């Protein structure tokens, strides 16, 4: 997605330099390092989730245009639905065929 090196270093720095402590009877304990994990309530989580979802969306559009994956064609207006994304879920919609399954599996790998 052509993010600049500075932005990538900021995100890496946020993930690498996280430290925390726990309050015990109102007093903080010694700080400890947090492993590279983004928790669900982390403010960065929605932004970091959008990046792979955008890539997946682009791959699915290309796969449909190249006829590697056949989505569900709706009648009358000709809209073709191959996937739906909402929050942190993805649903793939397509013709029930072995080639569709094989190509979707290849895409996800």
PDB file of N, CA and C in Angstrom:
ATOM      1  N   UNK A   1       0.824  -1.209   0.000  1.00  0.00           N
ATOM      2  CA  UNK A   1       0.000   0.000   0.000  1.00  0.00           C
ATOM      3  C   UNK A   1       0.856   1.256   0.000  1.00  0.00           C
ATOM      4  N   UNK A   2       2.135   1.100  -0.202  1.00  0.00           N
ATOM      5  CA  UNK A   2       3.076   2.205  -0.372  1.00  0.00           C
ATOM      6  C   UNK A   2       3.177   3.113   0.854  1.00  0.00           C
ATOM      7  N   UNK A   3       3.155   2.533   2.051  1.00  0.00           N
ATOM      8  CA  UNK A   3       3.397   3.330   3.249  1.00  0.00           C
ATOM      9  C   UNK A   3       4.866   3.689   3.291  1.00  0.00           C
ATOM     10  N   UNK A   4       5.157   4.911   3.705  1.00  0.00           N
ATOM     11  CA  UNK A   4       6.530   5.372   3.789  1.00  0.00           C
ATOM     12  C   UNK A   4       7.299   4.673   4.897  1.00  0.00           C
ATOM     13  N   UNK A   5       8.621   4.719   4.815  1.00  0.00           N
ATOM     14  CA  UNK A   5       9.458   4.052   5.808  1.00  0.00           C
ATOM     15  C   UNK A   5       9.249   4.659   7.186  1.00  0.00           C
ATOM     16  N   UNK A   6       8.999   5.958   7.253  1.00  0.00           N
ATOM     17  CA  UNK A   6       8.825   6.617   8.553  1.00  0.00           C
ATOM     18  C   UNK A   6       7.576   6.085   9.266  1.00  0.00           C
ATOM     19  N   UNK A   7       6.485   5.960   8.530  1.00  0.00           N
ATOM     20  CA  UNK A   7       5.242   5.442   9.112  1.00  0.00           C
ATOM     21  C   UNK A   7       5.444   4.004   9.576  1.00  0.00           C
ATOM     22  N   UNK A   8       6.103   3.174   8.757  1.00  0.00           N
ATOM     23  CA  UNK A   8       6.345   1.775   9.118  1.00  0.00           C
ATOM     24  C   UNK A   8       7.205   1.681  10.375  1.00  0.00           C
ATOM     25  N   UNK A   9       8.181   2.563  10.511  1.00  0.00           N
ATOM     26  CA  UNK A   9       9.030   2.572  11.712  1.00  0.00           C
ATOM     27  C   UNK A   9       8.227   2.992  12.934  1.00  0.00           C
ATOM     28  N   UNK A  10       7.300   3.937  12.783  1.00  0.00           N
ATOM     29  CA  UNK A  10       6.445   4.336  13.913  1.00  0.00           C
ATOM     30  C   UNK A  10       5.620   3.153  14.408  1.00  0.00           C
ATOM     31  N   UNK A  11       4.987   2.431  13.484  1.00  0.00           N
ATOM     32  CA  UNK A  11       4.163   1.278  13.869  1.00  0.00           C
ATOM     33  C   UNK A  11       5.034   0.200  14.505  1.00  0.00           C
ATOM     34  N   UNK A  12       6.178  -0.067  13.917  1.00  0.00           N
ATOM     35  CA  UNK A  12       7.091  -1.063  14.496  1.00  0.00           C
ATOM     36  C   UNK A  12       7.528  -0.623  15.882  1.00  0.00           C
ATOM     37  N   UNK A  13       7.820   0.658  16.049  1.00  0.00           N
ATOM     38  CA  UNK A  13       8.209   1.173  17.360  1.00  0.00           C
ATOM     39  C   UNK A  13       7.112   1.019  18.392  1.00  0.00           C
ATOM     40  N   UNK A  14       5.871   1.250  17.987  1.00  0.00           N
ATOM     41  CA  UNK A  14       4.740   1.067  18.908  1.00  0.00           C
ATOM     42  C   UNK A  14       4.622  -0.384  19.351  1.00  0.00           C
ATOM     43  N   UNK A  15       4.856  -1.313  18.437  1.00  0.00           N
ATOM     44  CA  UNK A  15       4.726  -2.735  18.768  1.00  0.00           C
ATOM     45  C   UNK A  15       5.934  -3.262  19.533  1.00  0.00           C
ATOM     46  N   UNK A  16       7.123  -2.728  19.254  1.00  0.00           N
ATOM     47  CA  UNK A  16       8.345  -3.219  19.897  1.00  0.00           C
ATOM     48  C   UNK A  16       8.598  -2.622  21.277  1.00  0.00           C
ATOM     49  N   UNK A  17       8.151  -1.408  21.509  1.00  0.00           N
ATOM     50  CA  UNK A  17       8.546  -0.706  22.733  1.00  0.00           C
ATOM     51  C   UNK A  17       7.456  -0.671  23.799  1.00  0.00           C
ATOM     52  N   UNK A  18       6.445  -1.481  23.660  1.00  0.00           N
ATOM     53  CA  UNK A  18       5.358  -1.463  24.638  1.00  0.00           C
ATOM     54  C   UNK A  18       5.822  -2.030  25.971  1.00  0.00           C
ATOM     55  N   UNK A  19       5.517  -1.300  27.025  1.00  0.00           N
ATOM     56  CA  UNK A  19       5.838  -1.726  28.387  1.00  0.00           C
ATOM     57  C   UNK A  19       4.606  -1.493  29.242  1.00  0.00           C
ATOM     58  N   UNK A  20       4.489  -2.268  30.284  1.00  0.00           N
ATOM     59  CA  UNK A  20       3.327  -2.142  31.166  1.00  0.00           C
ATOM     60  C   UNK A  20       3.737  -2.461  32.593  1.00  0.00           C
ATOM     61  N   UNK A  21       2.889  -2.062  33.506  1.00  0.00           N
ATOM     62  CA  UNK A  21       3.037  -2.449  34.907  1.00  0.00           C
ATOM     63  C   UNK A  21       1.633  -2.672  35.461  1.00  0.00           C
ATOM     64  N   UNK A  22       1.559  -3.347  36.572  1.00  0.00           N
ATOM     65  CA  UNK A  22       0.281  -3.679  37.182  1.00  0.00           C
ATOM     66  C   UNK A  22       0.188  -2.970  38.519  1.00  0.00           C
ATOM     67  N   UNK A  23      -0.992  -2.455  38.832  1.00  0.00           N
ATOM     68  CA  UNK A  23      -1.205  -1.843  40.138  1.00  0.00           C
ATOM     69  C   UNK A  23      -1.573  -2.922  41.147  1.00  0.00           C
ATOM     70  N   UNK A  24      -0.788  -3.015  42.204  1.00  0.00           N
ATOM     71  CA  UNK A  24      -1.069  -3.944  43.295  1.00  0.00           C
ATOM     72  C   UNK A  24      -1.261  -3.113  44.554  1.00  0.00           C
ATOM     73  N   UNK A  25      -2.470  -3.141  45.093  1.00  0.00           N
ATOM     74  CA  UNK A  25      -2.823  -2.312  46.258  1.00  0.00           C
ATOM     75  C   UNK A  25      -2.507  -0.846  46.011  1.00  0.00           C
ATOM     76  N   UNK A  26      -2.728  -0.395  44.778  1.00  0.00           N
ATOM     77  CA  UNK A  26      -2.528   1.005  44.428  1.00  0.00           C
ATOM     78  C   UNK A  26      -1.108   1.381  44.076  1.00  0.00           C
ATOM     79  N   UNK A  27      -0.160   0.474  44.183  1.00  0.00           N
ATOM     80  CA  UNK A  27       1.239   0.767  43.866  1.00  0.00           C
ATOM     81  C   UNK A  27       1.639   0.003  42.596  1.00  0.00           C
ATOM     82  N   UNK A  28       2.301   0.704  41.645  1.00  0.00           N
ATOM     83  CA  UNK A  28       2.699   0.023  40.407  1.00  0.00           C
ATOM     84  C   UNK A  28       3.853  -0.946  40.646  1.00  0.00           C
ATOM     85  N   UNK A  29       3.807  -2.070  39.945  1.00  0.00           N
ATOM     86  CA  UNK A  29       4.902  -3.034  39.993  1.00  0.00           C
ATOM     87  C   UNK A  29       5.995  -2.586  39.026  1.00  0.00           C
ATOM     88  N   UNK A  30       7.065  -3.353  38.994  1.00  0.00           N
ATOM     89  CA  UNK A  30       8.148  -3.086  38.047  1.00  0.00           C
ATOM     90  C   UNK A  30       7.611  -3.267  36.627  1.00  0.00           C
ATOM     91  N   UNK A  31       8.027  -2.397  35.696  1.00  0.00           N
ATOM     92  CA  UNK A  31       7.570  -2.499  34.306  1.00  0.00           C
ATOM     93  C   UNK A  31       8.114  -3.756  33.651  1.00  0.00           C
ATOM     94  N   UNK A  32       7.319  -4.293  32.724  1.00  0.00           N
ATOM     95  CA  UNK A  32       7.737  -5.460  31.963  1.00  0.00           C
ATOM     96  C   UNK A  32       7.385  -5.235  30.501  1.00  0.00           C
ATOM     97  N   UNK A  33       8.110  -5.924  29.619  1.00  0.00           N
ATOM     98  CA  UNK A  33       7.869  -5.797  28.182  1.00  0.00           C
ATOM     99  C   UNK A  33       6.618  -6.567  27.788  1.00  0.00           C
ATOM    100  N   UNK A  34       5.897  -6.010  26.844  1.00  0.00           N
ATOM    101  CA  UNK A  34       4.735  -6.686  26.294  1.00  0.00           C
ATOM    102  C   UNK A  34       5.161  -7.290  24.961  1.00  0.00           C
ATOM    103  N   UNK A  35       4.776  -8.531  24.732  1.00  0.00           N
ATOM    104  CA  UNK A  35       5.131  -9.178  23.465  1.00  0.00           C
ATOM    105  C   UNK A  35       4.412  -8.493  22.314  1.00  0.00           C
ATOM    106  N   UNK A  36       4.849  -8.799  21.100  1.00  0.00           N
ATOM    107  CA  UNK A  36       4.276  -8.188  19.905  1.00  0.00           C
ATOM    108  C   UNK A  36       2.869  -8.711  19.658  1.00  0.00           C
ATOM    109  N   UNK A  37       1.940  -8.128  20.315  1.00  0.00           N
ATOM    110  CA  UNK A  37       0.551  -8.510  20.118  1.00  0.00           C
ATOM    111  C   UNK A  37      -0.293  -7.244  20.216  1.00  0.00           C
ATOM    112  N   UNK A  38      -1.269  -7.144  19.381  1.00  0.00           N
ATOM    113  CA  UNK A  38      -2.189  -6.014  19.428  1.00  0.00           C
ATOM    114  C   UNK A  38      -3.493  -6.552  19.990  1.00  0.00           C
ATOM    115  N   UNK A  39      -3.881  -6.046  21.124  1.00  0.00           N
ATOM    116  CA  UNK A  39      -5.103  -6.502  21.762  1.00  0.00           C
ATOM    117  C   UNK A  39      -6.317  -5.851  21.102  1.00  0.00           C
ATOM    118  N   UNK A  40      -7.479  -6.439  21.346  1.00  0.00           N
ATOM    119  CA  UNK A  40      -8.699  -5.974  20.695  1.00  0.00           C
ATOM    120  C   UNK A  40      -9.022  -4.522  21.054  1.00  0.00           C
ATOM    121  N   UNK A  41      -8.729  -4.099  22.285  1.00  0.00           N
ATOM    122  CA  UNK A  41      -9.047  -2.731  22.696  1.00  0.00           C
ATOM    123  C   UNK A  41      -7.915  -1.748  22.423  1.00  0.00           C
ATOM    124  N   UNK A  42      -6.857  -2.200  21.770  1.00  0.00           N
ATOM    125  CA  UNK A  42      -5.739  -1.329  21.430  1.00  0.00           C
ATOM    126  C   UNK A  42      -6.197  -0.317  20.393  1.00  0.00           C
ATOM    127  N   UNK A  43      -5.865   0.967  20.569  1.00  0.00           N
ATOM    128  CA  UNK A  43      -6.279   1.982  19.583  1.00  0.00           C
ATOM    129  C   UNK A  43      -5.722   1.748  18.182  1.00  0.00           C
ATOM    130  N   UNK A  44      -4.606   1.027  18.063  1.00  0.00           N
ATOM    131  CA  UNK A  44      -4.029   0.740  16.744  1.00  0.00           C
ATOM    132  C   UNK A  44      -4.756  -0.388  16.020  1.00  0.00           C
ATOM    133  N   UNK A  45      -5.482  -1.227  16.754  1.00  0.00           N
ATOM    134  CA  UNK A  45      -6.071  -2.434  16.170  1.00  0.00           C
ATOM    135  C   UNK A  45      -6.930  -2.171  14.936  1.00  0.00           C
ATOM    136  N   UNK A  46      -7.869  -1.218  14.970  1.00  0.00           N
ATOM    137  CA  UNK A  46      -8.692  -1.016  13.766  1.00  0.00           C
ATOM    138  C   UNK A  46      -7.875  -0.601  12.545  1.00  0.00           C
ATOM    139  N   UNK A  47      -6.848   0.220  12.749  1.00  0.00           N
ATOM    140  CA  UNK A  47      -6.042   0.682  11.631  1.00  0.00           C
ATOM    141  C   UNK A  47      -5.185  -0.443  11.065  1.00  0.00           C
ATOM    142  N   UNK A  48      -4.613  -1.257  11.936  1.00  0.00           N
ATOM    143  CA  UNK A  48      -3.790  -2.367  11.468  1.00  0.00           C
ATOM    144  C   UNK A  48      -4.636  -3.459  10.827  1.00  0.00           C
ATOM    145  N   UNK A  49      -5.906  -3.566  11.207  1.00  0.00           N
ATOM    146  CA  UNK A  49      -6.797  -4.548  10.612  1.00  0.00           C
ATOM    147  C   UNK A  49      -7.173  -4.155   9.183  1.00  0.00           C
ATOM    148  N   UNK A  50      -7.303  -2.864   8.929  1.00  0.00           N
ATOM    149  CA  UNK A  50      -7.724  -2.382   7.614  1.00  0.00           C
ATOM    150  C   UNK A  50      -6.702  -2.739   6.535  1.00  0.00           C
ATOM    151  N   UNK A  51      -5.430  -2.744   6.884  1.00  0.00           N
ATOM    152  CA  UNK A  51      -4.377  -2.981   5.891  1.00  0.00           C
ATOM    153  C   UNK A  51      -4.504  -4.359   5.235  1.00  0.00           C
ATOM    154  N   UNK A  52      -4.537  -5.466   5.999  1.00  0.00           N
ATOM    155  CA  UNK A  52      -4.684  -6.756   5.304  1.00  0.00           C
ATOM    156  C   UNK A  52      -6.050  -6.929   4.655  1.00  0.00           C
ATOM    157  N   UNK A  53      -7.086  -6.313   5.226  1.00  0.00           N
ATOM    158  CA  UNK A  53      -8.418  -6.437   4.623  1.00  0.00           C
ATOM    159  C   UNK A  53      -8.471  -5.739   3.272  1.00  0.00           C
ATOM    160  N   UNK A  54      -7.796  -4.619   3.144  1.00  0.00           N
ATOM    161  CA  UNK A  54      -7.743  -3.930   1.861  1.00  0.00           C
ATOM    162  C   UNK A  54      -7.014  -4.785   0.827  1.00  0.00           C
ATOM    163  N   UNK A  55      -5.912  -5.408   1.248  1.00  0.00           N
ATOM    164  CA  UNK A  55      -5.184  -6.301   0.346  1.00  0.00           C
ATOM    165  C   UNK A  55      -6.032  -7.479  -0.087  1.00  0.00           C
ATOM    166  N   UNK A  56      -6.762  -8.080   0.845  1.00  0.00           N
ATOM    167  CA  UNK A  56      -7.641  -9.200   0.522  1.00  0.00           C
ATOM    168  C   UNK A  56      -8.736  -8.776  -0.449  1.00  0.00           C
ATOM    169  N   UNK A  57      -9.290  -7.589  -0.244  1.00  0.00           N
ATOM    170  CA  UNK A  57     -10.322  -7.066  -1.138  1.00  0.00           C
ATOM    171  C   UNK A  57      -9.778  -6.901  -2.565  1.00  0.00           C
ATOM    172  N   UNK A  58      -8.580  -6.359  -2.679  1.00  0.00           N
ATOM    173  CA  UNK A  58      -7.960  -6.162  -4.000  1.00  0.00           C
ATOM    174  C   UNK A  58      -7.708  -7.505  -4.679  1.00  0.00           C
ATOM    175  N   UNK A  59      -7.211  -8.494  -3.908  1.00  0.00           N
ATOM    176  CA  UNK A  59      -6.986  -9.831  -4.473  1.00  0.00           C
ATOM    177  C   UNK A  59      -8.289 -10.457  -4.953  1.00  0.00           C
ATOM    178  N   UNK A  60      -9.346 -10.326  -4.171  1.00  0.00           N
ATOM    179  CA  UNK A  60     -10.627 -10.919  -4.553  1.00  0.00           C
ATOM    180  C   UNK A  60     -11.195 -10.258  -5.812  1.00  0.00           C
ATOM    181  N   UNK A  61     -11.077  -8.940  -5.903  1.00  0.00           N
ATOM    182  CA  UNK A  61     -11.543  -8.254  -7.117  1.00  0.00           C
ATOM    183  C   UNK A  61     -10.771  -8.731  -8.342  1.00  0.00           C
ATOM    184  N   UNK A  62      -9.444  -8.858  -8.209  1.00  0.00           N
ATOM    185  CA  UNK A  62      -8.619  -9.321  -9.336  1.00  0.00           C
ATOM    186  C   UNK A  62      -8.966 -10.765  -9.701  1.00  0.00           C
ATOM    187  N   UNK A  63      -9.176 -11.607  -8.699  1.00  0.00           N
ATOM    188  CA  UNK A  63      -9.516 -13.011  -8.962  1.00  0.00           C
ATOM    189  C   UNK A  63     -10.839 -13.110  -9.711  1.00  0.00           C
ATOM    190  N   UNK A  64     -11.794 -12.261  -9.365  1.00  0.00           N
ATOM    191  CA  UNK A  64     -13.088 -12.281 -10.057  1.00  0.00           C
ATOM    192  C   UNK A  64     -12.960 -11.758 -11.486  1.00  0.00           C
ATOM    193  N   UNK A  65     -12.180 -10.698 -11.678  1.00  0.00           N
ATOM    194  CA  UNK A  65     -11.994 -10.145 -13.019  1.00  0.00           C
ATOM    195  C   UNK A  65     -11.283 -11.132 -13.940  1.00  0.00           C
ATOM    196  N   UNK A  66     -10.361 -11.907 -13.392  1.00  0.00           N
ATOM    197  CA  UNK A  66      -9.614 -12.898 -14.184  1.00  0.00           C
ATOM    198  C   UNK A  66     -10.325 -14.247 -14.247  1.00  0.00           C
ATOM    199  N   UNK A  67     -11.520 -14.321 -13.676  1.00  0.00           N
ATOM    200  CA  UNK A  67     -12.349 -15.528 -13.665  1.00  0.00           C
ATOM    201  C   UNK A  67     -11.714 -16.694 -12.920  1.00  0.00           C
ATOM    202  N   UNK A  68     -10.872 -16.383 -11.918  1.00  0.00           N
ATOM    203  CA  UNK A  68     -10.328 -17.426 -11.053  1.00  0.00           C
ATOM    204  C   UNK A  68     -11.322 -17.765  -9.941  1.00  0.00           C
ATOM    205  N   UNK A  69     -12.179 -16.809  -9.616  1.00  0.00           N
ATOM    206  CA  UNK A  69     -13.206 -17.032  -8.600  1.00  0.00           C
ATOM    207  C   UNK A  69     -14.513 -16.473  -9.139  1.00  0.00           C
ATOM    208  N   UNK A  70     -15.565 -17.256  -9.018  1.00  0.00           N
ATOM    209  CA  UNK A  70     -16.876 -16.816  -9.479  1.00  0.00           C
ATOM    210  C   UNK A  70     -17.764 -16.588  -8.272  1.00  0.00           C
ATOM    211  N   UNK A  71     -18.119 -15.327  -8.088  1.00  0.00           N
ATOM    212  CA  UNK A  71     -19.000 -14.965  -6.988  1.00  0.00           C
ATOM    213  C   UNK A  71     -20.449 -15.224  -7.348  1.00  0.00           C
ATOM    214  N   UNK A  72     -21.328 -14.688  -6.553  1.00  0.00           N
ATOM    215  CA  UNK A  72     -22.764 -14.837  -6.767  1.00  0.00           C
ATOM    216  C   UNK A  72     -23.247 -13.681  -7.636  1.00  0.00           C
ATOM    217  N   UNK A  73     -23.772 -13.987  -8.808  1.00  0.00           N
ATOM    218  CA  UNK A  73     -24.293 -12.959  -9.711  1.00  0.00           C
ATOM    219  C   UNK A  73     -25.761 -12.705  -9.381  1.00  0.00           C
ATOM    220  N   UNK A  74     -26.076 -11.466  -9.046  1.00  0.00           N
ATOM    221  CA  UNK A  74     -27.453 -11.112  -8.728  1.00  0.00           C
ATOM    222  C   UNK A  74     -28.222 -10.821 -10.012  1.00  0.00           C
ATOM    223  N   UNK A  75     -29.505 -11.133 -10.028  1.00  0.00           N
ATOM    224  CA  UNK A  75     -30.290 -10.896 -11.239  1.00  0.00           C
ATOM    225  C   UNK A  75     -30.540  -9.404 -11.480  1.00  0.00           C
ATOM    226  N   UNK A  76     -30.939  -9.088 -12.693  1.00  0.00           N
ATOM    227  CA  UNK A  76     -31.346  -7.754 -13.154  1.00  0.00           C
ATOM    228  C   UNK A  76     -30.192  -6.781 -13.308  1.00  0.00           C
ATOM    229  N   UNK A  77     -29.533  -6.364 -12.214  1.00  0.00           N
ATOM    230  CA  UNK A  77     -28.506  -5.325 -12.347  1.00  0.00           C
ATOM    231  C   UNK A  77     -27.100  -5.883 -12.558  1.00  0.00           C
ATOM    232  N   UNK A  78     -26.929  -7.197 -12.474  1.00  0.00           N
ATOM    233  CA  UNK A  78     -25.662  -7.822 -12.796  1.00  0.00           C
ATOM    234  C   UNK A  78     -24.560  -7.656 -11.766  1.00  0.00           C
ATOM    235  N   UNK A  79     -24.870  -7.228 -10.553  1.00  0.00           N
ATOM    236  CA  UNK A  79     -23.850  -7.101  -9.516  1.00  0.00           C
ATOM    237  C   UNK A  79     -23.349  -8.490  -9.153  1.00  0.00           C
ATOM    238  N   UNK A  80     -22.040  -8.609  -8.996  1.00  0.00           N
ATOM    239  CA  UNK A  80     -21.418  -9.879  -8.632  1.00  0.00           C
ATOM    240  C   UNK A  80     -20.822  -9.728  -7.235  1.00  0.00           C
ATOM    241  N   UNK A  81     -21.275 -10.535  -6.292  1.00  0.00           N
ATOM    242  CA  UNK A  81     -20.788 -10.472  -4.913  1.00  0.00           C
ATOM    243  C   UNK A  81     -19.866 -11.663  -4.673  1.00  0.00           C
ATOM    244  N   UNK A  82     -18.623 -11.389  -4.283  1.00  0.00           N
ATOM    245  CA  UNK A  82     -17.671 -12.463  -4.012  1.00  0.00           C
ATOM    246  C   UNK A  82     -17.292 -12.527  -2.532  1.00  0.00           C
ATOM    247  N   UNK A  83     -17.439 -11.423  -1.816  1.00  0.00           N
ATOM    248  CA  UNK A  83     -17.081 -11.404  -0.402  1.00  0.00           C
ATOM    249  C   UNK A  83     -17.775 -10.234   0.294  1.00  0.00           C
ATOM    250  N   UNK A  84     -18.006 -10.420   1.576  1.00  0.00           N
ATOM    251  CA  UNK A  84     -18.562  -9.373   2.431  1.00  0.00           C
ATOM    252  C   UNK A  84     -17.648  -9.225   3.637  1.00  0.00           C
ATOM    253  N   UNK A  85     -17.345  -7.981   4.002  1.00  0.00           N
ATOM    254  CA  UNK A  85     -16.479  -7.721   5.154  1.00  0.00           C
ATOM    255  C   UNK A  85     -17.219  -6.812   6.120  1.00  0.00           C
ATOM    256  N   UNK A  86     -17.181  -7.202   7.380  1.00  0.00           N
ATOM    257  CA  UNK A  86     -17.795  -6.375   8.419  1.00  0.00           C
ATOM    258  C   UNK A  86     -16.985  -6.538   9.696  1.00  0.00           C
ATOM    259  N   UNK A  87     -16.546  -5.437  10.253  1.00  0.00           N
ATOM    260  CA  UNK A  87     -15.705  -5.382  11.442  1.00  0.00           C
ATOM    261  C   UNK A  87     -14.505  -6.306  11.253  1.00  0.00           C
ATOM    262  N   UNK A  88     -14.453  -7.446  11.918  1.00  0.00           N
ATOM    263  CA  UNK A  88     -13.300  -8.339  11.759  1.00  0.00           C
ATOM    264  C   UNK A  88     -13.709  -9.691  11.189  1.00  0.00           C
ATOM    265  N   UNK A  89     -14.761  -9.706  10.399  1.00  0.00           N
ATOM    266  CA  UNK A  89     -15.240 -10.940   9.782  1.00  0.00           C
ATOM    267  C   UNK A  89     -15.247 -10.807   8.257  1.00  0.00           C
ATOM    268  N   UNK A  90     -15.012 -11.918   7.587  1.00  0.00           N
ATOM    269  CA  UNK A  90     -15.087 -11.973   6.131  1.00  0.00           C
ATOM    270  C   UNK A  90     -15.925 -13.187   5.761  1.00  0.00           C
ATOM    271  N   UNK A  91     -16.860 -12.987   4.849  1.00  0.00           N
ATOM    272  CA  UNK A  91     -17.656 -14.084   4.308  1.00  0.00           C
ATOM    273  C   UNK A  91     -17.410 -14.138   2.815  1.00  0.00           C
ATOM    274  N   UNK A  92     -17.006 -15.309   2.322  1.00  0.00           N
ATOM    275  CA  UNK A  92     -16.794 -15.500   0.894  1.00  0.00           C
ATOM    276  C   UNK A  92     -18.051 -16.118   0.306  1.00  0.00           C
ATOM    277  N   UNK A  93     -18.485 -15.564  -0.823  1.00  0.00           N
ATOM    278  CA  UNK A  93     -19.722 -16.004  -1.465  1.00  0.00           C
ATOM    279  C   UNK A  93     -19.390 -16.344  -2.910  1.00  0.00           C
ATOM    280  N   UNK A  94     -19.729 -17.540  -3.331  1.00  0.00           N
ATOM    281  CA  UNK A  94     -19.428 -17.906  -4.702  1.00  0.00           C
ATOM    282  C   UNK A  94     -20.129 -19.168  -5.141  1.00  0.00           C
ATOM    283  N   UNK A  95     -19.919 -19.497  -6.400  1.00  0.00           N
ATOM    284  CA  UNK A  95     -20.478 -20.722  -6.949  1.00  0.00           C
ATOM    285  C   UNK A  95     -19.890 -21.928  -6.220  1.00  0.00           C
ATOM    286  N   UNK A  96     -20.712 -22.943  -6.057  1.00  0.00           N
ATOM    287  CA  UNK A  96     -20.276 -24.165  -5.404  1.00  0.00           C
ATOM    288  C   UNK A  96     -19.594 -25.038  -6.445  1.00  0.00           C
ATOM    289  N   UNK A  97     -18.255 -24.882  -6.547  1.00  0.00           N
ATOM    290  CA  UNK A  97     -17.506 -25.690  -7.513  1.00  0.00           C
ATOM    291  C   UNK A  97     -16.121 -25.972  -6.946  1.00  0.00           C
ATOM    292  N   UNK A  98     -15.552 -27.057  -7.417  1.00  0.00           N
ATOM    293  CA  UNK A  98     -14.232 -27.452  -6.928  1.00  0.00           C
ATOM    294  C   UNK A  98     -13.173 -26.427  -7.317  1.00  0.00           C
ATOM    295  N   UNK A  99     -13.251 -25.890  -8.516  1.00  0.00           N
ATOM    296  CA  UNK A  99     -12.253 -24.911  -8.960  1.00  0.00           C
ATOM    297  C   UNK A  99     -12.348 -23.621  -8.147  1.00  0.00           C
ATOM    298  N   UNK A 100     -13.563 -23.211  -7.781  1.00  0.00           N
ATOM    299  CA  UNK A 100     -13.720 -22.038  -6.921  1.00  0.00           C
ATOM    300  C   UNK A 100     -13.053 -22.270  -5.570  1.00  0.00           C
ATOM    301  N   UNK A 101     -13.285 -23.451  -5.005  1.00  0.00           N
ATOM    302  CA  UNK A 101     -12.696 -23.784  -3.714  1.00  0.00           C
ATOM    303  C   UNK A 101     -11.175 -23.820  -3.794  1.00  0.00           C
ATOM    304  N   UNK A 102     -10.638 -24.467  -4.826  1.00  0.00           N
ATOM    305  CA  UNK A 102      -9.185 -24.566  -4.977  1.00  0.00           C
ATOM    306  C   UNK A 102      -8.568 -23.182  -5.127  1.00  0.00           C
ATOM    307  N   UNK A 103      -9.163 -22.338  -5.963  1.00  0.00           N
ATOM    308  CA  UNK A 103      -8.605 -20.998  -6.181  1.00  0.00           C
ATOM    309  C   UNK A 103      -8.737 -20.111  -4.955  1.00  0.00           C
ATOM    310  N   UNK A 104      -9.829 -20.227  -4.198  1.00  0.00           N
ATOM    311  CA  UNK A 104      -9.971 -19.454  -2.963  1.00  0.00           C
ATOM    312  C   UNK A 104      -8.916 -19.912  -1.946  1.00  0.00           C
ATOM    313  N   UNK A 105      -8.705 -21.213  -1.868  1.00  0.00           N
ATOM    314  CA  UNK A 105      -7.689 -21.747  -0.972  1.00  0.00           C
ATOM    315  C   UNK A 105      -6.299 -21.216  -1.352  1.00  0.00           C
ATOM    316  N   UNK A 106      -5.984 -21.190  -2.636  1.00  0.00           N
ATOM    317  CA  UNK A 106      -4.704 -20.662  -3.107  1.00  0.00           C
ATOM    318  C   UNK A 106      -4.571 -19.179  -2.762  1.00  0.00           C
ATOM    319  N   UNK A 107      -5.635 -18.443  -2.936  1.00  0.00           N
ATOM    320  CA  UNK A 107      -5.622 -17.006  -2.638  1.00  0.00           C
ATOM    321  C   UNK A 107      -5.345 -16.765  -1.162  1.00  0.00           C
ATOM    322  N   UNK A 108      -5.969 -17.534  -0.306  1.00  0.00           N
ATOM    323  CA  UNK A 108      -5.796 -17.333   1.138  1.00  0.00           C
ATOM    324  C   UNK A 108      -4.426 -17.794   1.636  1.00  0.00           C
ATOM    325  N   UNK A 109      -3.827 -18.750   0.920  1.00  0.00           N
ATOM    326  CA  UNK A 109      -2.474 -19.174   1.308  1.00  0.00           C
ATOM    327  C   UNK A 109      -1.471 -18.063   0.994  1.00  0.00           C
TER     328      UNK A 109
END
